[in-house]
Amino acid sequence: MTGAEATPEERRALFRVVRGEPSDAELAALTVVLAAAATSGAPPAGPVERDRWSDPSVAFRTPLHPGPGAWRTSTWPR
């Protein structure tokens, strides 16, 4: 652009070629690469739940509580 007002299409564009004249195939390849790069670093959509297998608190033993049925509940998860 040479100082003129940008067209609506140019304002909506995600990127702009400032030098050279790429072919349609080259522009399509560039669009795919930029779209993939923009979505690859996105964090997961929701909260990540911790896996019980990798939870370090599992290594600590809970206190034993004597009473009826205590032997049955001693191996239940907290």
PDB file of N, CA and C in Angstrom:
ATOM      1  N   MET A   1       0.841  -1.179   0.000  1.00  0.00           N
ATOM      2  CA  MET A   1       0.000   0.000   0.000  1.00  0.00           C
ATOM      3  C   MET A   1       0.878   1.231   0.000  1.00  0.00           C
ATOM      4  N   THR A   2       0.459   2.211  -0.721  1.00  0.00           N
ATOM      5  CA  THR A   2       1.245   3.433  -0.845  1.00  0.00           C
ATOM      6  C   THR A   2       0.538   4.593  -0.170  1.00  0.00           C
ATOM      7  N   GLY A   3       0.172   4.431   1.077  1.00  0.00           N
ATOM      8  CA  GLY A   3      -0.471   5.508   1.806  1.00  0.00           C
ATOM      9  C   GLY A   3      -1.980   5.548   1.638  1.00  0.00           C
ATOM     10  N   ALA A   4      -2.544   4.746   0.755  1.00  0.00           N
ATOM     11  CA  ALA A   4      -3.989   4.744   0.541  1.00  0.00           C
ATOM     12  C   ALA A   4      -4.662   3.947   1.661  1.00  0.00           C
ATOM     13  N   GLU A   5      -5.944   4.188   1.830  1.00  0.00           N
ATOM     14  CA  GLU A   5      -6.723   3.465   2.827  1.00  0.00           C
ATOM     15  C   GLU A   5      -6.798   1.990   2.446  1.00  0.00           C
ATOM     16  N   ALA A   6      -6.675   1.101   3.450  1.00  0.00           N
ATOM     17  CA  ALA A   6      -6.728  -0.335   3.192  1.00  0.00           C
ATOM     18  C   ALA A   6      -8.166  -0.748   2.891  1.00  0.00           C
ATOM     19  N   THR A   7      -8.292  -1.695   1.995  1.00  0.00           N
ATOM     20  CA  THR A   7      -9.620  -2.207   1.659  1.00  0.00           C
ATOM     21  C   THR A   7     -10.105  -3.116   2.787  1.00  0.00           C
ATOM     22  N   PRO A   8     -11.409  -3.413   2.870  1.00  0.00           N
ATOM     23  CA  PRO A   8     -11.893  -4.308   3.920  1.00  0.00           C
ATOM     24  C   PRO A   8     -11.254  -5.695   3.860  1.00  0.00           C
ATOM     25  N   GLU A   9     -10.966  -6.178   2.658  1.00  0.00           N
ATOM     26  CA  GLU A   9     -10.317  -7.476   2.534  1.00  0.00           C
ATOM     27  C   GLU A   9      -8.906  -7.443   3.111  1.00  0.00           C
ATOM     28  N   GLU A  10      -8.186  -6.358   2.892  1.00  0.00           N
ATOM     29  CA  GLU A  10      -6.826  -6.241   3.404  1.00  0.00           C
ATOM     30  C   GLU A  10      -6.823  -6.088   4.926  1.00  0.00           C
ATOM     31  N   ARG A  11      -7.839  -5.459   5.487  1.00  0.00           N
ATOM     32  CA  ARG A  11      -7.899  -5.315   6.943  1.00  0.00           C
ATOM     33  C   ARG A  11      -8.225  -6.637   7.619  1.00  0.00           C
ATOM     34  N   ARG A  12      -8.984  -7.526   6.958  1.00  0.00           N
ATOM     35  CA  ARG A  12      -9.333  -8.828   7.523  1.00  0.00           C
ATOM     36  C   ARG A  12      -8.227  -9.853   7.338  1.00  0.00           C
ATOM     37  N   ALA A  13      -7.270  -9.599   6.488  1.00  0.00           N
ATOM     38  CA  ALA A  13      -6.230 -10.577   6.166  1.00  0.00           C
ATOM     39  C   ALA A  13      -5.389 -10.902   7.397  1.00  0.00           C
ATOM     40  N   LEU A  14      -5.022 -12.172   7.533  1.00  0.00           N
ATOM     41  CA  LEU A  14      -4.189 -12.600   8.646  1.00  0.00           C
ATOM     42  C   LEU A  14      -2.711 -12.319   8.389  1.00  0.00           C
ATOM     43  N   PHE A  15      -2.330 -12.299   7.128  1.00  0.00           N
ATOM     44  CA  PHE A  15      -0.968 -11.945   6.778  1.00  0.00           C
ATOM     45  C   PHE A  15      -0.987 -11.268   5.420  1.00  0.00           C
ATOM     46  N   ARG A  16       0.124 -10.618   5.094  1.00  0.00           N
ATOM     47  CA  ARG A  16       0.202  -9.851   3.855  1.00  0.00           C
ATOM     48  C   ARG A  16       1.567 -10.072   3.216  1.00  0.00           C
ATOM     49  N   VAL A  17       1.599 -10.283   1.923  1.00  0.00           N
ATOM     50  CA  VAL A  17       2.844 -10.433   1.178  1.00  0.00           C
ATOM     51  C   VAL A  17       3.329  -9.032   0.823  1.00  0.00           C
ATOM     52  N   VAL A  18       4.530  -8.680   1.295  1.00  0.00           N
ATOM     53  CA  VAL A  18       5.032  -7.329   1.070  1.00  0.00           C
ATOM     54  C   VAL A  18       6.065  -7.260  -0.043  1.00  0.00           C
ATOM     55  N   ARG A  19       6.594  -8.403  -0.466  1.00  0.00           N
ATOM     56  CA  ARG A  19       7.588  -8.386  -1.533  1.00  0.00           C
ATOM     57  C   ARG A  19       7.460  -9.659  -2.346  1.00  0.00           C
ATOM     58  N   GLY A  20       7.585  -9.567  -3.631  1.00  0.00           N
ATOM     59  CA  GLY A  20       7.524 -10.719  -4.517  1.00  0.00           C
ATOM     60  C   GLY A  20       6.098 -10.992  -4.966  1.00  0.00           C
ATOM     61  N   GLU A  21       5.965 -11.990  -5.826  1.00  0.00           N
ATOM     62  CA  GLU A  21       4.655 -12.382  -6.345  1.00  0.00           C
ATOM     63  C   GLU A  21       4.510 -13.895  -6.231  1.00  0.00           C
ATOM     64  N   PRO A  22       4.060 -14.387  -5.076  1.00  0.00           N
ATOM     65  CA  PRO A  22       3.928 -15.835  -4.910  1.00  0.00           C
ATOM     66  C   PRO A  22       2.757 -16.382  -5.720  1.00  0.00           C
ATOM     67  N   SER A  23       2.878 -17.639  -6.096  1.00  0.00           N
ATOM     68  CA  SER A  23       1.793 -18.288  -6.837  1.00  0.00           C
ATOM     69  C   SER A  23       0.690 -18.681  -5.860  1.00  0.00           C
ATOM     70  N   ASP A  24      -0.431 -19.118  -6.416  1.00  0.00           N
ATOM     71  CA  ASP A  24      -1.544 -19.547  -5.568  1.00  0.00           C
ATOM     72  C   ASP A  24      -1.160 -20.743  -4.703  1.00  0.00           C
ATOM     73  N   ALA A  25      -0.367 -21.659  -5.246  1.00  0.00           N
ATOM     74  CA  ALA A  25       0.068 -22.834  -4.491  1.00  0.00           C
ATOM     75  C   ALA A  25       0.992 -22.428  -3.342  1.00  0.00           C
ATOM     76  N   GLU A  26       1.864 -21.473  -3.569  1.00  0.00           N
ATOM     77  CA  GLU A  26       2.752 -21.008  -2.508  1.00  0.00           C
ATOM     78  C   GLU A  26       1.976 -20.303  -1.394  1.00  0.00           C
ATOM     79  N   LEU A  27       0.988 -19.519  -1.742  1.00  0.00           N
ATOM     80  CA  LEU A  27       0.152 -18.865  -0.732  1.00  0.00           C
ATOM     81  C   LEU A  27      -0.653 -19.885   0.062  1.00  0.00           C
ATOM     82  N   ALA A  28      -1.141 -20.917  -0.617  1.00  0.00           N
ATOM     83  CA  ALA A  28      -1.893 -21.960   0.073  1.00  0.00           C
ATOM     84  C   ALA A  28      -0.987 -22.706   1.052  1.00  0.00           C
ATOM     85  N   ALA A  29       0.236 -23.004   0.654  1.00  0.00           N
ATOM     86  CA  ALA A  29       1.174 -23.694   1.538  1.00  0.00           C
ATOM     87  C   ALA A  29       1.518 -22.830   2.747  1.00  0.00           C
ATOM     88  N   LEU A  30       1.714 -21.546   2.527  1.00  0.00           N
ATOM     89  CA  LEU A  30       2.005 -20.634   3.624  1.00  0.00           C
ATOM     90  C   LEU A  30       0.830 -20.532   4.586  1.00  0.00           C
ATOM     91  N   THR A  31      -0.373 -20.501   4.062  1.00  0.00           N
ATOM     92  CA  THR A  31      -1.572 -20.441   4.896  1.00  0.00           C
ATOM     93  C   THR A  31      -1.693 -21.683   5.773  1.00  0.00           C
ATOM     94  N   VAL A  32      -1.423 -22.852   5.212  1.00  0.00           N
ATOM     95  CA  VAL A  32      -1.500 -24.091   5.977  1.00  0.00           C
ATOM     96  C   VAL A  32      -0.456 -24.109   7.084  1.00  0.00           C
ATOM     97  N   VAL A  33       0.758 -23.689   6.789  1.00  0.00           N
ATOM     98  CA  VAL A  33       1.825 -23.679   7.787  1.00  0.00           C
ATOM     99  C   VAL A  33       1.503 -22.699   8.913  1.00  0.00           C
ATOM    100  N   LEU A  34       1.019 -21.518   8.588  1.00  0.00           N
ATOM    101  CA  LEU A  34       0.685 -20.545   9.619  1.00  0.00           C
ATOM    102  C   LEU A  34      -0.499 -20.997  10.465  1.00  0.00           C
ATOM    103  N   ALA A  35      -1.490 -21.638   9.862  1.00  0.00           N
ATOM    104  CA  ALA A  35      -2.641 -22.136  10.621  1.00  0.00           C
ATOM    105  C   ALA A  35      -2.220 -23.259  11.555  1.00  0.00           C
ATOM    106  N   ALA A  36      -1.344 -24.135  11.104  1.00  0.00           N
ATOM    107  CA  ALA A  36      -0.870 -25.230  11.954  1.00  0.00           C
ATOM    108  C   ALA A  36      -0.031 -24.696  13.108  1.00  0.00           C
ATOM    109  N   ALA A  37       0.786 -23.690  12.846  1.00  0.00           N
ATOM    110  CA  ALA A  37       1.616 -23.114  13.900  1.00  0.00           C
ATOM    111  C   ALA A  37       0.765 -22.382  14.932  1.00  0.00           C
ATOM    112  N   ALA A  38      -0.315 -21.788  14.495  1.00  0.00           N
ATOM    113  CA  ALA A  38      -1.174 -21.049  15.421  1.00  0.00           C
ATOM    114  C   ALA A  38      -1.955 -21.973  16.339  1.00  0.00           C
ATOM    115  N   THR A  39      -2.284 -23.174  15.890  1.00  0.00           N
ATOM    116  CA  THR A  39      -3.086 -24.075  16.713  1.00  0.00           C
ATOM    117  C   THR A  39      -2.252 -25.080  17.479  1.00  0.00           C
ATOM    118  N   SER A  40      -0.982 -25.258  17.150  1.00  0.00           N
ATOM    119  CA  SER A  40      -0.193 -26.307  17.803  1.00  0.00           C
ATOM    120  C   SER A  40       0.182 -25.948  19.235  1.00  0.00           C
ATOM    121  N   GLY A  41       0.340 -24.698  19.563  1.00  0.00           N
ATOM    122  CA  GLY A  41       0.751 -24.306  20.900  1.00  0.00           C
ATOM    123  C   GLY A  41      -0.407 -23.989  21.816  1.00  0.00           C
ATOM    124  N   ALA A  42      -1.615 -24.269  21.405  1.00  0.00           N
ATOM    125  CA  ALA A  42      -2.774 -23.941  22.228  1.00  0.00           C
ATOM    126  C   ALA A  42      -2.872 -24.899  23.414  1.00  0.00           C
ATOM    127  N   PRO A  43      -3.183 -24.363  24.595  1.00  0.00           N
ATOM    128  CA  PRO A  43      -3.353 -25.244  25.751  1.00  0.00           C
ATOM    129  C   PRO A  43      -4.626 -26.064  25.629  1.00  0.00           C
ATOM    130  N   PRO A  44      -4.759 -27.135  26.418  1.00  0.00           N
ATOM    131  CA  PRO A  44      -5.982 -27.926  26.369  1.00  0.00           C
ATOM    132  C   PRO A  44      -7.202 -27.080  26.714  1.00  0.00           C
ATOM    133  N   ALA A  45      -8.349 -27.494  26.204  1.00  0.00           N
ATOM    134  CA  ALA A  45      -9.557 -26.699  26.377  1.00  0.00           C
ATOM    135  C   ALA A  45     -10.001 -26.614  27.827  1.00  0.00           C
ATOM    136  N   GLY A  46      -9.997 -27.706  28.542  1.00  0.00           N
ATOM    137  CA  GLY A  46     -10.483 -27.714  29.911  1.00  0.00           C
ATOM    138  C   GLY A  46      -9.376 -27.974  30.903  1.00  0.00           C
ATOM    139  N   PRO A  47      -9.733 -28.023  32.181  1.00  0.00           N
ATOM    140  CA  PRO A  47      -8.708 -28.326  33.184  1.00  0.00           C
ATOM    141  C   PRO A  47      -8.211 -29.756  33.038  1.00  0.00           C
ATOM    142  N   VAL A  48      -6.942 -29.940  33.277  1.00  0.00           N
ATOM    143  CA  VAL A  48      -6.324 -31.255  33.151  1.00  0.00           C
ATOM    144  C   VAL A  48      -6.430 -31.966  34.493  1.00  0.00           C
ATOM    145  N   GLU A  49      -7.002 -33.153  34.497  1.00  0.00           N
ATOM    146  CA  GLU A  49      -7.113 -33.919  35.723  1.00  0.00           C
ATOM    147  C   GLU A  49      -5.821 -34.696  35.950  1.00  0.00           C
ATOM    148  N   ARG A  50      -5.390 -34.748  37.195  1.00  0.00           N
ATOM    149  CA  ARG A  50      -4.179 -35.491  37.517  1.00  0.00           C
ATOM    150  C   ARG A  50      -4.471 -36.975  37.500  1.00  0.00           C
ATOM    151  N   ASP A  51      -3.542 -37.707  36.981  1.00  0.00           N
ATOM    152  CA  ASP A  51      -3.648 -39.154  36.930  1.00  0.00           C
ATOM    153  C   ASP A  51      -3.261 -39.721  38.292  1.00  0.00           C
ATOM    154  N   ARG A  52      -4.037 -40.658  38.810  1.00  0.00           N
ATOM    155  CA  ARG A  52      -3.749 -41.233  40.120  1.00  0.00           C
ATOM    156  C   ARG A  52      -2.427 -42.007  40.114  1.00  0.00           C
ATOM    157  N   TRP A  53      -2.021 -42.540  38.975  1.00  0.00           N
ATOM    158  CA  TRP A  53      -0.781 -43.301  38.924  1.00  0.00           C
ATOM    159  C   TRP A  53       0.438 -42.413  39.110  1.00  0.00           C
ATOM    160  N   SER A  54       0.367 -41.173  38.677  1.00  0.00           N
ATOM    161  CA  SER A  54       1.514 -40.276  38.795  1.00  0.00           C
ATOM    162  C   SER A  54       1.370 -39.303  39.962  1.00  0.00           C
ATOM    163  N   ASP A  55       0.361 -39.453  40.786  1.00  0.00           N
ATOM    164  CA  ASP A  55       0.134 -38.569  41.917  1.00  0.00           C
ATOM    165  C   ASP A  55       1.124 -38.917  43.035  1.00  0.00           C
ATOM    166  N   PRO A  56       1.971 -37.977  43.455  1.00  0.00           N
ATOM    167  CA  PRO A  56       2.960 -38.303  44.490  1.00  0.00           C
ATOM    168  C   PRO A  56       2.338 -38.540  45.869  1.00  0.00           C
ATOM    169  N   SER A  57       1.139 -38.059  46.115  1.00  0.00           N
ATOM    170  CA  SER A  57       0.533 -38.250  47.432  1.00  0.00           C
ATOM    171  C   SER A  57       0.108 -39.693  47.667  1.00  0.00           C
ATOM    172  N   VAL A  58       0.074 -40.501  46.604  1.00  0.00           N
ATOM    173  CA  VAL A  58      -0.292 -41.908  46.764  1.00  0.00           C
ATOM    174  C   VAL A  58       0.786 -42.652  47.558  1.00  0.00           C
ATOM    175  N   ALA A  59       2.030 -42.156  47.521  1.00  0.00           N
ATOM    176  CA  ALA A  59       3.123 -42.818  48.222  1.00  0.00           C
ATOM    177  C   ALA A  59       2.968 -42.709  49.739  1.00  0.00           C
ATOM    178  N   PHE A  60       2.210 -41.736  50.225  1.00  0.00           N
ATOM    179  CA  PHE A  60       2.023 -41.570  51.656  1.00  0.00           C
ATOM    180  C   PHE A  60       0.850 -42.418  52.123  1.00  0.00           C
ATOM    181  N   ARG A  61       1.045 -43.069  53.205  1.00  0.00           N
ATOM    182  CA  ARG A  61       0.005 -43.940  53.738  1.00  0.00           C
ATOM    183  C   ARG A  61      -0.947 -43.138  54.620  1.00  0.00           C
ATOM    184  N   THR A  62      -2.212 -43.433  54.504  1.00  0.00           N
ATOM    185  CA  THR A  62      -3.194 -42.773  55.356  1.00  0.00           C
ATOM    186  C   THR A  62      -3.211 -43.477  56.711  1.00  0.00           C
ATOM    187  N   PRO A  63      -3.611 -42.786  57.758  1.00  0.00           N
ATOM    188  CA  PRO A  63      -3.646 -43.425  59.074  1.00  0.00           C
ATOM    189  C   PRO A  63      -4.647 -44.573  59.097  1.00  0.00           C
ATOM    190  N   LEU A  64      -4.315 -45.577  59.861  1.00  0.00           N
ATOM    191  CA  LEU A  64      -5.209 -46.715  60.018  1.00  0.00           C
ATOM    192  C   LEU A  64      -6.206 -46.422  61.141  1.00  0.00           C
ATOM    193  N   HIS A  65      -7.454 -46.719  60.899  1.00  0.00           N
ATOM    194  CA  HIS A  65      -8.493 -46.503  61.897  1.00  0.00           C
ATOM    195  C   HIS A  65      -9.075 -47.863  62.270  1.00  0.00           C
ATOM    196  N   PRO A  66      -8.859 -48.300  63.503  1.00  0.00           N
ATOM    197  CA  PRO A  66      -9.380 -49.600  63.895  1.00  0.00           C
ATOM    198  C   PRO A  66     -10.902 -49.566  64.016  1.00  0.00           C
ATOM    199  N   GLY A  67     -11.500 -50.689  63.786  1.00  0.00           N
ATOM    200  CA  GLY A  67     -12.935 -50.796  63.925  1.00  0.00           C
ATOM    201  C   GLY A  67     -13.478 -51.862  63.004  1.00  0.00           C
ATOM    202  N   PRO A  68     -14.789 -52.087  63.067  1.00  0.00           N
ATOM    203  CA  PRO A  68     -15.392 -53.101  62.217  1.00  0.00           C
ATOM    204  C   PRO A  68     -15.276 -52.721  60.731  1.00  0.00           C
ATOM    205  N   GLY A  69     -14.819 -53.642  59.925  1.00  0.00           N
ATOM    206  CA  GLY A  69     -14.692 -53.401  58.484  1.00  0.00           C
ATOM    207  C   GLY A  69     -13.465 -52.599  58.100  1.00  0.00           C
ATOM    208  N   ALA A  70     -12.573 -52.295  59.043  1.00  0.00           N
ATOM    209  CA  ALA A  70     -11.393 -51.486  58.738  1.00  0.00           C
ATOM    210  C   ALA A  70     -10.465 -52.198  57.772  1.00  0.00           C
ATOM    211  N   TRP A  71     -10.366 -53.514  57.876  1.00  0.00           N
ATOM    212  CA  TRP A  71      -9.497 -54.249  56.969  1.00  0.00           C
ATOM    213  C   TRP A  71      -9.978 -54.123  55.530  1.00  0.00           C
ATOM    214  N   ARG A  72     -11.300 -54.008  55.327  1.00  0.00           N
ATOM    215  CA  ARG A  72     -11.854 -53.914  53.980  1.00  0.00           C
ATOM    216  C   ARG A  72     -11.579 -52.531  53.366  1.00  0.00           C
ATOM    217  N   THR A  73     -11.698 -51.494  54.181  1.00  0.00           N
ATOM    218  CA  THR A  73     -11.539 -50.126  53.665  1.00  0.00           C
ATOM    219  C   THR A  73     -10.089 -49.661  53.682  1.00  0.00           C
ATOM    220  N   SER A  74      -9.149 -50.469  54.163  1.00  0.00           N
ATOM    221  CA  SER A  74      -7.755 -50.031  54.241  1.00  0.00           C
ATOM    222  C   SER A  74      -7.115 -49.839  52.875  1.00  0.00           C
ATOM    223  N   THR A  75      -7.644 -50.464  51.846  1.00  0.00           N
ATOM    224  CA  THR A  75      -7.051 -50.321  50.511  1.00  0.00           C
ATOM    225  C   THR A  75      -7.879 -49.444  49.579  1.00  0.00           C
ATOM    226  N   TRP A  76      -8.951 -48.870  50.077  1.00  0.00           N
ATOM    227  CA  TRP A  76      -9.764 -47.986  49.241  1.00  0.00           C
ATOM    228  C   TRP A  76      -9.033 -46.681  48.998  1.00  0.00           C
ATOM    229  N   PRO A  77      -9.259 -46.061  47.846  1.00  0.00           N
ATOM    230  CA  PRO A  77      -8.628 -44.756  47.611  1.00  0.00           C
ATOM    231  C   PRO A  77      -9.239 -43.702  48.535  1.00  0.00           C
ATOM    232  N   ARG A  78      -8.483 -42.701  48.764  1.00  0.00           N
ATOM    233  CA  ARG A  78      -8.936 -41.627  49.656  1.00  0.00           C
ATOM    234  C   ARG A  78      -9.996 -40.812  49.050  1.00  0.00           C
TER     235      ARG A  78
END
